[in-house]
Protein backbone atom coordinates (compact mmCIF):
# COMPACT_ATOMS: atom_id res chain seq x y z
CA MET A 1 -20.35 -41.63 -17.21
CA LYS A 2 -22.05 -38.29 -15.50
CA LYS A 3 -23.45 -35.66 -17.23
CA ILE A 4 -21.41 -32.61 -16.60
CA HIS A 5 -24.10 -29.60 -15.16
CA LEU A 6 -23.91 -26.70 -17.29
CA LYS A 7 -22.96 -24.26 -14.57
CA ASN A 8 -19.62 -26.50 -13.92
CA LYS A 9 -18.70 -26.53 -17.32
CA LEU A 10 -19.02 -22.97 -17.73
CA LEU A 11 -16.83 -23.03 -14.29
CA ILE A 12 -14.18 -25.10 -16.18
CA GLU A 13 -14.35 -23.60 -19.11
CA PHE A 14 -13.46 -20.05 -17.11
CA ILE A 15 -10.72 -21.53 -15.50
CA ALA A 16 -9.10 -22.42 -18.46
CA VAL A 17 -9.71 -19.03 -20.00
CA LEU A 18 -8.02 -17.46 -16.71
CA LEU A 19 -4.86 -19.05 -18.01
CA VAL A 20 -4.52 -16.63 -20.93
CA LEU A 21 -6.46 -13.40 -19.73
CA ASN A 22 -5.27 -10.52 -18.22
CA ILE A 23 -7.38 -9.37 -14.66
CA SER A 24 -9.00 -7.07 -16.27
CA THR A 25 -10.72 -9.01 -18.67
CA LEU A 26 -11.25 -11.41 -15.41
CA VAL A 27 -13.21 -9.13 -13.72
CA LEU A 28 -15.49 -8.25 -16.99
CA LEU A 29 -15.86 -12.16 -17.25
CA LEU A 30 -16.79 -12.44 -13.45
CA TYR A 31 -19.73 -9.43 -13.89
CA PHE A 32 -20.91 -11.29 -16.96
CA LEU A 33 -21.36 -14.69 -15.55
CA TYR A 34 -22.40 -13.66 -11.90
CA GLY A 35 -23.98 -10.19 -12.30
CA LYS A 36 -21.42 -8.40 -9.74
CA ILE A 37 -17.93 -7.47 -9.21
CA ASP A 38 -16.18 -8.55 -5.68
CA ASN A 39 -16.57 -5.59 -3.22
CA SER A 40 -12.64 -6.22 -2.09
CA ALA A 41 -11.45 -5.61 -5.72
CA ALA A 42 -13.42 -2.54 -6.24
CA ARG A 43 -12.12 -1.09 -2.53
CA ILE A 44 -8.59 -2.12 -4.00
CA ARG A 45 -8.88 0.21 -6.93
CA ASN A 46 -10.41 3.10 -5.26
CA GLN A 47 -8.19 2.56 -1.73
CA GLU A 48 -6.41 6.33 -0.92
CA LYS A 49 -3.02 6.84 -0.03
CA ILE A 50 -2.08 8.52 3.72
CA GLY A 51 1.14 9.58 4.73
CA ALA A 52 2.54 9.41 8.00
CA CYS A 53 5.84 11.13 8.78
CA TYR A 54 7.01 11.06 12.88
CA MET A 55 10.33 12.49 14.36
CA THR A 56 11.83 9.02 14.68
CA MET A 57 10.73 5.16 14.52
CA ASN A 58 13.40 4.15 16.92
CA ASN A 59 11.43 5.52 19.88
CA PRO A 60 8.36 2.60 20.43
CA PHE A 61 5.90 5.51 21.31
CA TYR A 62 5.64 6.34 17.73
CA SER A 63 5.75 2.72 16.67
CA ILE A 64 2.72 2.05 18.69
CA LEU A 65 0.88 5.16 17.61
CA ASN A 66 1.65 4.18 13.98
CA ASN A 67 -0.01 0.65 14.43
CA GLU A 68 -3.30 2.45 15.51
CA VAL A 69 -3.48 4.80 12.59
CA ARG A 70 -2.67 1.86 10.46
CA ALA A 71 -5.31 0.06 11.76
CA VAL A 72 -7.98 2.58 11.49
CA VAL A 73 -6.65 3.59 7.64
CA GLU A 74 -6.77 -0.26 6.98
CA GLU A 75 -10.31 -0.17 8.25
CA ASN A 76 -11.36 1.87 5.59
CA GLY A 77 -9.82 0.22 2.78
CA ASP A 78 -6.80 2.73 2.36
CA ILE A 79 -3.09 2.33 2.51
CA LEU A 80 -0.57 4.10 5.07
CA ILE A 81 2.59 4.74 3.86
CA THR A 82 4.79 5.64 6.80
CA ARG A 83 8.57 7.71 6.61
CA ASN A 84 11.18 7.67 9.36
CA PRO A 85 13.28 11.18 9.13
CA GLY A 86 15.15 9.88 12.16
CA LEU A 87 15.06 13.33 13.85
CA ASP A 88 16.52 15.24 11.27
CA SER A 89 14.26 18.36 10.07
CA VAL A 90 15.75 18.55 6.80
CA LYS A 91 15.17 14.85 6.01
CA GLN A 92 11.32 15.08 7.27
CA GLN A 93 10.69 18.19 4.85
CA GLU A 94 12.23 15.82 2.08
CA GLU A 95 10.24 13.07 2.75
CA ILE A 96 6.85 14.93 3.23
CA TYR A 97 7.42 16.53 -0.26
CA ASP A 98 8.09 12.93 -1.72
CA LEU A 99 4.56 11.79 -0.03
CA ILE A 100 2.92 14.61 -1.57
CA ASP A 101 4.20 13.62 -4.91
CA LEU A 102 2.88 10.25 -4.38
CA GLY A 103 -0.49 11.58 -4.22
CA VAL A 104 -1.46 11.56 -0.44
CA LYS A 105 -4.82 12.73 0.67
CA ALA A 106 -3.86 13.31 3.98
CA LEU A 107 -0.84 13.71 6.30
CA ILE A 108 -0.27 12.39 10.08
CA ILE A 109 2.88 14.31 10.83
CA THR A 110 5.17 14.79 14.48
CA PRO A 111 7.28 17.48 13.44
CA VAL A 112 11.08 17.50 14.24
CA ASP A 113 11.28 20.81 14.26
CA TRP A 114 8.25 22.68 15.50
CA LYS A 115 9.18 25.92 13.24
CA ALA A 116 10.95 24.38 10.47
CA ILE A 117 8.52 22.13 9.18
CA GLU A 118 6.60 25.03 8.01
CA PRO A 119 7.56 24.94 3.93
CA ALA A 120 6.31 21.55 3.94
CA LEU A 121 3.19 22.22 5.79
CA ARG A 122 2.85 25.23 3.51
CA LYS A 123 3.14 22.95 0.21
CA ALA A 124 0.95 20.32 1.24
CA LYS A 125 -2.07 22.89 2.36
CA GLY A 126 -1.62 24.44 -0.89
CA GLN A 127 -2.54 21.29 -2.59
CA GLY A 128 -5.67 20.34 -0.30
CA ILE A 129 -3.99 17.68 1.74
CA ALA A 130 -5.46 17.30 4.85
CA ILE A 131 -2.92 17.30 7.67
CA VAL A 132 -3.22 16.19 11.71
CA ILE A 133 0.03 16.51 13.81
CA VAL A 134 0.17 14.17 16.76
CA ASP A 135 2.22 14.24 19.97
CA SER A 136 4.06 17.90 19.53
CA ASN A 137 2.35 20.81 18.09
CA VAL A 138 3.57 22.92 15.20
CA TYR A 139 4.74 26.81 15.59
CA ASP A 140 1.84 28.12 13.28
CA ASP A 141 -1.18 25.68 13.75
CA GLU A 142 -3.50 27.96 11.18
CA LEU A 143 -1.30 25.59 8.40
CA VAL A 144 -3.01 22.13 10.05
CA ASP A 145 -6.49 21.03 10.34
CA CYS A 146 -6.26 19.24 13.72
CA THR A 147 -3.36 18.69 16.47
CA VAL A 148 -3.77 15.55 19.01
CA VAL A 149 -1.27 15.90 21.51
CA SER A 150 -0.77 14.92 25.37
CA ASP A 151 -1.69 17.33 27.96
CA ASN A 152 2.28 17.88 27.61
CA TYR A 153 2.36 21.00 30.04
CA GLU A 154 0.12 19.22 32.56
CA ALA A 155 2.92 16.07 32.49
CA GLY A 156 5.54 18.70 33.33
CA VAL A 157 3.56 19.75 36.42
CA GLN A 158 2.67 16.50 37.56
CA CYS A 159 6.14 15.83 38.07
CA ALA A 160 7.03 18.77 39.82
CA GLU A 161 3.96 18.42 42.16
CA GLU A 162 5.31 14.81 43.18
CA LEU A 163 8.81 15.97 43.36
CA MET A 164 7.67 18.79 45.96
CA GLU A 165 5.53 16.50 47.61
CA GLN A 166 8.40 13.77 48.17
CA GLN A 167 11.40 16.11 48.45
CA GLU A 168 11.86 19.34 50.84
CA SER A 169 14.35 20.65 48.28
CA ALA A 170 16.32 19.69 44.84
CA ARG A 171 19.12 20.60 42.48
CA ILE A 172 17.84 19.45 39.26
CA VAL A 173 19.40 18.59 36.05
CA VAL A 174 16.81 19.00 32.99
CA LEU A 175 17.07 16.75 29.92
CA LYS A 176 15.08 18.40 27.02
CA HIS A 177 14.48 19.01 23.41
CA SER A 178 14.65 22.53 22.65
CA VAL A 179 13.12 21.93 18.86
CA ALA A 180 10.04 19.78 20.00
CA LYS A 181 7.08 21.62 21.26
CA SER A 182 6.15 18.57 23.59
CA SER A 183 9.43 19.27 25.32
CA ILE A 184 8.88 22.89 25.54
CA ASP A 185 5.74 22.53 27.32
CA ARG A 186 6.76 19.74 29.48
CA THR A 187 9.95 21.51 30.56
CA ALA A 188 7.62 24.69 31.00
CA GLY A 189 5.20 22.92 33.02
CA PHE A 190 7.82 21.40 35.52
CA GLU A 191 9.86 24.39 35.85
CA GLU A 192 6.85 27.18 36.34
CA THR A 193 5.60 24.91 38.99
CA LEU A 194 8.96 24.81 40.89
CA LYS A 195 9.12 28.61 40.73
CA LYS A 196 6.86 28.95 43.27
CA ASN A 197 9.13 27.27 45.79
CA PRO A 198 13.01 28.87 46.45
CA ASN A 199 14.06 25.33 47.75
CA TYR A 200 14.19 24.01 43.94
CA THR A 201 16.80 24.81 42.04
CA ILE A 202 17.41 24.27 38.24
CA VAL A 203 21.37 23.76 38.23
CA GLU A 204 21.68 22.42 34.53
CA ARG A 205 19.74 22.03 31.43
CA VAL A 206 21.08 19.80 28.60
CA GLU A 207 19.93 19.06 25.06
CA CYS A 208 19.56 15.17 24.47
CA ASN A 209 16.68 15.10 21.37
CA GLY A 210 14.79 12.54 23.77
CA GLN A 211 17.13 9.90 22.67
CA LEU A 212 18.67 7.20 25.17
CA GLU A 213 21.79 7.04 23.01
CA VAL A 214 22.27 10.63 23.31
CA ALA A 215 21.39 11.26 26.81
CA MET A 216 23.92 8.83 28.25
CA PRO A 217 27.03 10.90 26.93
CA ALA A 218 25.15 14.27 27.70
CA MET A 219 24.63 13.04 31.59
CA GLU A 220 28.35 11.66 31.34
CA LYS A 221 29.48 15.59 30.44
CA VAL A 222 27.39 16.95 33.42
CA LEU A 223 28.98 14.55 35.39
CA ASP A 224 31.99 15.63 34.23
CA THR A 225 31.68 19.22 35.17
CA GLY A 226 31.44 18.15 38.88
CA VAL A 227 28.11 19.91 39.06
CA ALA A 228 25.86 18.65 42.53
CA PHE A 229 22.60 17.42 41.98
CA ASP A 230 20.23 14.83 43.56
CA THR A 231 17.25 15.24 40.97
CA ILE A 232 16.67 14.62 37.34
CA PHE A 233 13.69 15.68 35.32
CA ALA A 234 13.66 14.17 31.57
CA LEU A 235 11.45 15.00 28.90
CA ASN A 236 10.56 11.42 28.19
CA ASP A 237 11.28 7.50 29.58
CA PRO A 238 14.37 7.01 26.69
CA SER A 239 15.91 10.05 28.04
CA ALA A 240 15.66 9.23 31.43
CA LEU A 241 17.14 5.68 30.93
CA GLY A 242 19.98 7.15 29.14
CA ALA A 243 20.54 9.68 32.21
CA MET A 244 20.34 6.90 34.61
CA ALA A 245 22.79 4.19 32.41
CA ALA A 246 25.24 7.15 32.87
CA LEU A 247 24.90 7.44 36.39
CA GLU A 248 25.20 3.72 36.78
CA GLU A 249 28.14 3.63 34.90
CA LYS A 250 30.15 5.91 37.50
CA ASN A 251 28.26 4.25 40.27
CA CYS A 252 26.48 7.59 41.36
CA LEU A 253 22.95 6.48 40.47
CA GLU A 254 21.85 5.79 44.20
CA GLY A 255 20.42 8.89 45.85
CA ILE A 256 19.19 10.48 42.57
CA GLU A 257 15.69 11.15 41.89
CA VAL A 258 14.64 10.85 38.35
CA TYR A 259 11.26 12.06 37.05
CA SER A 260 10.06 11.77 33.48
CA VAL A 261 7.29 11.53 30.98
CA ASP A 262 5.72 8.51 29.02
CA GLY A 263 4.57 5.92 31.03
CA SER A 264 6.60 3.56 28.59
CA PRO A 265 6.99 -0.12 29.81
CA GLU A 266 10.37 0.42 30.64
CA GLY A 267 9.73 3.44 32.71
CA LYS A 268 6.96 1.79 34.51
CA ALA A 269 9.31 -1.14 35.44
CA MET A 270 11.98 1.61 36.85
CA VAL A 271 9.06 2.63 38.89
CA LYS A 272 7.91 -0.39 40.17
CA GLU A 273 11.80 -1.13 40.98
CA GLY A 274 12.39 1.78 42.74
CA MET A 275 14.70 3.41 40.80
CA MET A 276 12.45 6.09 39.44
CA GLU A 277 9.86 8.20 41.47
CA ALA A 278 7.58 8.74 39.05
CA THR A 279 6.58 8.80 35.04
CA SER A 280 3.49 11.15 33.89
CA ALA A 281 1.94 8.12 31.41
CA GLN A 282 0.71 9.24 27.83
CA PHE A 283 -1.16 7.10 25.79
CA PRO A 284 -0.23 6.32 22.08
CA THR A 285 -2.94 4.24 21.12
CA GLU A 286 -5.36 6.76 21.86
CA ILE A 287 -3.91 9.56 20.43
CA GLY A 288 -3.32 7.58 16.97
CA ARG A 289 -6.93 6.05 16.93
CA MET A 290 -8.40 9.74 17.63
CA ALA A 291 -5.48 11.37 15.00
CA ALA A 292 -6.69 8.73 12.71
CA GLU A 293 -10.62 9.28 13.20
CA ARG A 294 -10.44 13.04 12.99
CA MET A 295 -8.26 12.26 9.80
CA TYR A 296 -11.39 10.83 8.03
CA ASP A 297 -13.47 13.02 9.55
CA ILE A 298 -11.46 16.08 7.78
CA LEU A 299 -11.65 13.95 4.39
CA THR A 300 -15.40 13.80 4.64
CA GLY A 301 -15.89 17.48 5.49
CA LYS A 302 -16.75 17.24 8.92
CA MET A 303 -16.05 19.56 11.79
CA VAL A 304 -13.18 18.89 13.76
CA GLU A 305 -11.45 20.54 16.77
CA THR A 306 -8.47 22.45 15.86
CA GLU A 307 -6.46 20.87 19.10
CA ILE A 308 -7.28 18.01 21.33
CA LEU A 309 -5.44 17.58 24.51
CA VAL A 310 -5.20 13.75 25.64
CA PRO A 311 -5.06 13.57 29.53
CA VAL A 312 -1.92 12.14 31.25
CA THR A 313 -1.58 10.09 34.35
CA LEU A 314 1.35 10.22 36.78
CA VAL A 315 2.88 6.64 37.69
CA THR A 316 4.00 6.18 40.93
CA SER A 317 5.00 3.84 43.31
CA GLU A 318 1.80 4.09 44.90
CA ASN A 319 -0.22 3.50 41.83
CA ILE A 320 2.09 0.84 40.03
CA GLY A 321 0.13 -1.92 40.49
CA ASP A 322 -2.76 -0.36 38.89
CA TYR A 323 -0.96 -0.72 35.55
CA GLU A 324 0.51 -3.28 33.09
CA ILE A 325 4.06 -3.04 33.07
CA ASP A 326 4.75 -4.77 29.84
CA ARG A 327 2.83 -2.83 27.21
CA TRP A 328 1.83 0.79 27.17
CA GLN A 329 -1.30 2.11 28.12
């Protein structure tokens, strides 16, 4: 019979002890036997909670952005807690209060309403929680540490300039979301650029919350009024697709030129098929990673920019071949 090596014997005895001892005692025994505690266990004990609360999670843009934030948070050994207010500003404030009560060290937020969110921001700031805003600004940026957004005004400008290059005149329906600063800026960039030429007229402005399921009936109402138009500017691709679905249902999509913002796979597919003139592309992966990295800079006491504008790129039929259709850039 072979002799059992002393170390193996200790290991067998240790396994037996494992069956009756709790995890805390186990860690102490490991330290006693091997002189160290597993680094991953130490990291789990010390991990911080990070909170995220976007406008809504039914828009793939925020799913992509959140995935990138989660990747950075987990790279740092921490945990991300994500909430979905579903475009309800009251619910968003309640969710932020809940995240504060859970003890989060930082918050990454896209405000549903850029003004109404102020009480929740004040409470978080009062408790020393780092706050990074993404995608859409807040009204009082003194309440936050950093804002990372697409150059939303420029996105509207790009669409307007493309429209003027392609069409000598236009009667335009604008789909907007008035309580979201991102939509306010995109619409302003679009309309202020067109003011230079009287041949371009805004005939209707329609609220749609940036949602396909809201934009479709909203466009149906516009059609029912009988107002004449030949162009649509939508604050994002989901609202553009909703408007296009309403037009298709009424057999009047042909001859309507559509401009949008996002550069989503669906939007680029519409550009490739010639059903949409252009979409100004955002980069949610870049926004998410940049926001998370700045958040950790703030937590470690580093100085960060108060606002970061991420450039946008216009996608048209002329350059669609430069982009992958089936994914966000």
